[in-house]
Protein backbone atom coordinates (compact mmCIF):
# COMPACT_ATOMS: atom_id res chain seq x y z
CA MET A 1 -10.34 -9.90 -21.57
CA PHE A 2 -11.23 -11.41 -18.22
CA ASP A 3 -8.73 -9.27 -16.43
CA ASP A 4 -9.91 -6.11 -18.28
CA VAL A 5 -13.43 -6.68 -17.22
CA VAL A 6 -12.42 -7.33 -13.59
CA LYS A 7 -10.19 -4.18 -13.59
CA LYS A 8 -12.98 -2.06 -15.19
CA TYR A 9 -15.45 -2.94 -12.39
CA SER A 10 -13.09 -2.69 -9.54
CA GLU A 11 -11.85 0.65 -10.68
CA ALA A 12 -15.32 1.96 -11.15
CA LEU A 13 -16.32 0.67 -7.74
CA TYR A 14 -13.20 2.33 -6.22
CA ASP A 15 -13.99 5.56 -7.87
CA VAL A 16 -17.56 5.51 -6.45
CA ALA A 17 -16.11 4.72 -3.02
CA GLU A 18 -13.74 7.74 -3.30
CA THR A 19 -16.41 10.01 -4.55
CA GLU A 20 -18.98 9.01 -1.79
CA GLY A 21 -16.26 8.89 0.98
CA ASP A 22 -17.08 5.29 1.68
CA ASP A 23 -14.19 2.86 1.29
CA MET A 24 -16.60 -0.21 1.07
CA LEU A 25 -13.72 -2.55 1.98
CA GLU A 26 -15.32 -4.31 4.86
CA ASP A 27 -18.66 -4.68 3.05
CA LEU A 28 -16.82 -5.99 0.03
CA ARG A 29 -14.92 -8.49 2.25
CA MET A 30 -18.34 -9.71 3.59
CA VAL A 31 -19.55 -10.11 0.06
CA GLY A 32 -16.32 -12.01 -0.92
CA GLU A 33 -16.84 -14.37 1.92
CA ALA A 34 -20.54 -14.96 0.98
CA TYR A 35 -19.50 -15.61 -2.68
CA GLU A 36 -17.26 -18.42 -1.48
CA ASN A 37 -20.46 -20.34 -1.18
CA ARG A 38 -20.82 -22.53 -4.28
CA GLU A 39 -24.58 -22.57 -4.10
CA LEU A 40 -24.87 -18.84 -4.12
CA ARG A 41 -22.52 -18.54 -7.07
CA GLY A 42 -24.37 -21.27 -8.92
CA ALA A 43 -27.73 -19.61 -8.28
CA LEU A 44 -26.57 -16.22 -9.45
CA SER A 45 -25.12 -17.67 -12.71
CA HIS A 46 -27.80 -20.26 -13.35
CA PRO A 47 -29.22 -19.74 -16.82
CA ASP A 48 -32.73 -20.78 -15.80
CA LEU A 49 -33.12 -18.10 -13.15
CA GLY A 50 -34.30 -14.75 -14.39
CA ALA A 51 -32.97 -11.36 -13.31
CA GLU A 52 -35.84 -10.86 -10.88
CA GLU A 53 -35.17 -14.09 -8.98
CA LYS A 54 -31.37 -13.22 -8.91
CA HIS A 55 -32.23 -9.67 -7.68
CA ALA A 56 -34.26 -11.08 -4.93
CA ILE A 57 -31.41 -13.41 -3.82
CA VAL A 58 -28.96 -10.38 -3.74
CA GLU A 59 -31.57 -8.20 -2.05
CA ASN A 60 -32.40 -10.79 0.61
CA LEU A 61 -28.70 -11.55 1.31
CA PHE A 62 -27.21 -8.12 1.30
CA ARG A 63 -29.64 -5.27 1.58
CA GLY A 64 -29.31 -3.62 4.98
CA ARG A 65 -26.12 -5.65 5.72
CA VAL A 66 -23.89 -3.81 3.33
CA SER A 67 -24.02 -0.35 1.90
CA ASP A 68 -26.53 0.48 -0.74
CA PHE A 69 -23.68 1.13 -3.09
CA VAL A 70 -22.33 -2.42 -2.68
CA THR A 71 -25.81 -3.92 -3.05
CA ASN A 72 -26.51 -1.90 -6.15
CA PHE A 73 -23.06 -2.99 -7.49
CA LEU A 74 -24.09 -6.58 -7.07
CA LEU A 75 -27.40 -6.00 -8.83
CA ILE A 76 -25.48 -4.44 -11.76
CA CYS A 77 -23.32 -7.52 -11.83
CA VAL A 78 -26.43 -9.63 -12.09
CA ASP A 79 -27.91 -7.53 -14.82
CA ASN A 80 -24.66 -7.62 -16.83
CA ARG A 81 -24.20 -11.33 -16.21
CA ARG A 82 -21.09 -10.76 -14.23
CA SER A 83 -21.94 -12.38 -10.90
CA ASP A 84 -19.30 -15.12 -11.49
CA LEU A 85 -16.69 -12.35 -11.57
CA VAL A 86 -17.59 -10.76 -8.14
CA PRO A 87 -15.00 -12.59 -6.06
CA TYR A 88 -12.26 -11.50 -8.49
CA ILE A 89 -13.68 -7.90 -8.58
CA VAL A 90 -13.59 -7.88 -4.77
CA LYS A 91 -9.96 -9.11 -4.69
CA ASP A 92 -8.90 -6.53 -7.26
CA TYR A 93 -10.72 -3.81 -5.37
CA GLU A 94 -8.90 -4.83 -2.30
CA ASP A 95 -5.54 -4.67 -4.15
CA LEU A 96 -6.42 -1.30 -5.48
CA TYR A 97 -7.46 0.00 -2.12
CA TYR A 98 -4.15 -0.86 -0.48
CA GLU A 99 -2.04 0.12 -3.47
CA ARG A 100 -3.59 3.63 -3.66
CA ARG A 101 -3.23 4.19 0.03
CA GLY A 102 0.35 3.01 0.17
CA ILE A 103 -0.48 0.21 2.67
CA GLU A 104 1.50 -3.00 2.44
CA ARG A 105 -0.18 -6.23 3.46
CA ILE A 106 1.74 -8.89 5.28
CA THR A 107 0.65 -12.28 6.61
CA VAL A 108 2.40 -13.43 9.79
CA VAL A 109 2.50 -17.23 9.89
CA THR A 110 3.12 -18.83 13.29
CA PRO A 111 2.51 -22.23 14.93
CA ILE A 112 0.29 -20.57 17.60
CA GLU A 113 -2.00 -17.55 17.68
CA LEU A 114 -0.26 -14.34 18.62
CA GLU A 115 -1.84 -11.40 20.47
CA GLU A 116 -2.58 -8.19 18.43
CA GLU A 117 0.25 -6.46 20.30
CA LYS A 118 2.82 -8.96 19.13
CA LEU A 119 1.46 -8.79 15.49
CA ARG A 120 1.82 -4.98 15.59
CA ALA A 121 5.46 -5.28 16.96
CA ILE A 122 6.27 -7.60 13.99
CA ALA A 123 4.69 -5.17 11.58
CA ARG A 124 6.73 -2.30 13.12
CA ALA A 125 10.00 -4.38 12.86
CA TYR A 126 9.07 -5.20 9.25
CA LYS A 127 8.26 -1.60 8.22
CA GLY A 128 8.75 1.12 10.73
CA ASP A 129 5.38 2.92 10.22
CA ASP A 130 1.76 2.03 10.48
CA ALA A 131 1.30 1.61 6.66
CA VAL A 132 1.04 -2.21 7.13
CA GLU A 133 -1.98 -4.35 7.40
CA VAL A 134 -1.20 -7.61 9.32
CA ARG A 135 -3.07 -10.80 8.99
CA GLN A 136 -2.23 -13.99 10.80
CA ARG A 137 -2.35 -17.63 9.79
CA ILE A 138 -1.66 -20.60 11.93
CA ASP A 139 0.64 -23.28 10.66
CA GLU A 140 1.54 -25.86 13.34
CA SER A 141 4.24 -27.45 11.10
CA LEU A 142 6.52 -24.43 11.71
CA ILE A 143 7.24 -25.79 15.21
CA GLY A 144 8.30 -22.26 16.30
CA GLY A 145 9.36 -18.99 14.94
CA VAL A 146 7.67 -16.96 12.32
CA GLN A 147 7.24 -16.53 8.53
CA ILE A 148 6.22 -13.20 7.02
CA GLU A 149 4.54 -13.40 3.65
CA THR A 150 4.66 -10.19 1.67
CA ASP A 151 3.66 -9.12 -1.82
CA THR A 152 7.25 -9.71 -2.87
CA GLY A 153 8.18 -12.88 -1.10
CA ILE A 154 8.58 -14.74 2.24
CA ILE A 155 10.76 -13.98 5.12
CA ASP A 156 11.24 -17.29 6.86
CA ARG A 157 12.53 -17.24 10.40
CA SER A 158 10.77 -20.47 11.46
CA ILE A 159 12.42 -23.22 13.56
CA ALA A 160 11.46 -25.70 10.76
CA ARG A 161 13.44 -23.61 8.31
CA GLN A 162 16.40 -23.38 10.60
CA LEU A 163 16.39 -27.11 11.09
CA GLU A 164 16.28 -27.61 7.28
CA ASP A 165 19.23 -25.18 6.89
CA MET A 166 21.29 -27.07 9.51
CA ALA A 167 20.43 -30.42 7.90
CA ARG A 168 21.61 -29.09 4.50
CA VAL A 169 24.84 -27.83 5.94
CA LEU A 170 25.48 -31.13 7.68
CA ARG A 171 24.81 -33.14 4.53
CA HIS A 172 27.35 -31.06 2.58
CA HIS A 173 29.99 -30.83 5.30
CA PRO A 174 30.26 -34.19 7.01
């Protein structure tokens, strides 16, 4: 049931975005980040706060900062007592957005921050076209090299992994 409700809201939101020519992705990412705040989630799902107070919270936080469609979506979630599902709806919307556009998402994990140019080169090497969105995460434990996290798995070309592989071989072949 939970997944069905999330899917219903994210698909409706996506349909509105398509109809209005507004992909809403950046606005929804901002909303998703805001909803990481435990106090905000608690206030919007608190049984002692009425709809008017919850509407005021949403209006004060988001009106003018995100599109009216996104603000109105959040108000609908308040009215339908679905504010607790907003982070899941945002995530599902993002998945739907990329899936329908044929864009693959990868996360490049390195021990140091890479320039945008290097990230794009990794994306081109991974998949020869521009239908890849690249994110970066820093993990100093890798020592060097790179890991590429995809929807289907991890490509691990890190020095830490290479050292582990060498140790495994040496243990089995003295």
